[in-house]
Amino acid sequence: MLQKMLIIVFGLVMTTLVTGCNTVNGVGKDVQSGGKAISNTAEKVSDKM
């Protein structure tokens, strides 16, 4: 019984960790694309000056 509970808890922890990593990865991509958009806009403004 204890072994079964440990396996269930371990599975839940691993699922949470994997989901968290994917979420952090997604946030990183969002921040990166936002930075590229700002950089592109700054270059366009600089070219017009």
Protein backbone atom coordinates (compact mmCIF):
# COMPACT_ATOMS: atom_id res chain seq x y z
CA MET A 1 0.00 0.00 0.00
CA LEU A 2 2.80 2.44 0.90
CA GLN A 3 4.67 1.61 -2.29
CA LYS A 4 1.57 2.30 -4.36
CA MET A 5 1.09 5.69 -2.66
CA LEU A 6 4.73 6.60 -3.26
CA ILE A 7 4.40 5.76 -6.96
CA ILE A 8 1.28 7.92 -7.24
CA VAL A 9 2.91 10.85 -5.43
CA PHE A 10 6.05 10.50 -7.54
CA GLY A 11 3.95 10.50 -10.71
CA LEU A 12 2.09 13.64 -9.64
CA VAL A 13 5.32 15.43 -8.78
CA MET A 14 6.91 14.51 -12.12
CA THR A 15 3.80 15.63 -14.01
CA THR A 16 3.88 18.96 -12.21
CA LEU A 17 7.56 19.45 -12.96
CA VAL A 18 7.19 18.63 -16.64
CA THR A 19 4.20 20.96 -16.97
CA GLY A 20 6.13 23.71 -15.18
CA CYS A 21 9.08 23.35 -17.54
CA ASN A 22 6.84 23.65 -20.57
CA THR A 23 5.21 26.74 -19.09
CA VAL A 24 8.56 28.40 -18.38
CA ASN A 25 9.69 27.50 -21.89
CA GLY A 26 6.58 29.13 -23.34
CA VAL A 27 7.10 32.28 -21.29
CA GLY A 28 10.69 32.45 -22.48
CA LYS A 29 9.57 32.26 -26.10
CA ASP A 30 6.97 34.99 -25.50
CA VAL A 31 9.57 37.28 -23.94
CA GLN A 32 11.99 36.57 -26.77
CA SER A 33 9.42 37.40 -29.46
CA GLY A 34 8.50 40.58 -27.57
CA GLY A 35 12.15 41.60 -27.49
CA LYS A 36 12.48 40.99 -31.22
CA ALA A 37 9.42 43.14 -31.90
CA ILE A 38 10.87 45.99 -29.83
CA SER A 39 14.22 45.64 -31.57
CA ASN A 40 12.62 45.67 -35.02
CA THR A 41 10.57 48.75 -34.16
CA ALA A 42 13.65 50.56 -32.86
CA GLU A 43 15.52 49.74 -36.08
CA LYS A 44 12.65 51.05 -38.23
CA VAL A 45 12.54 54.31 -36.26
CA SER A 46 16.31 54.63 -36.47
CA ASP A 47 16.23 54.10 -40.24
CA LYS A 48 13.64 56.89 -40.66
CA MET A 49 15.78 59.42 -38.78
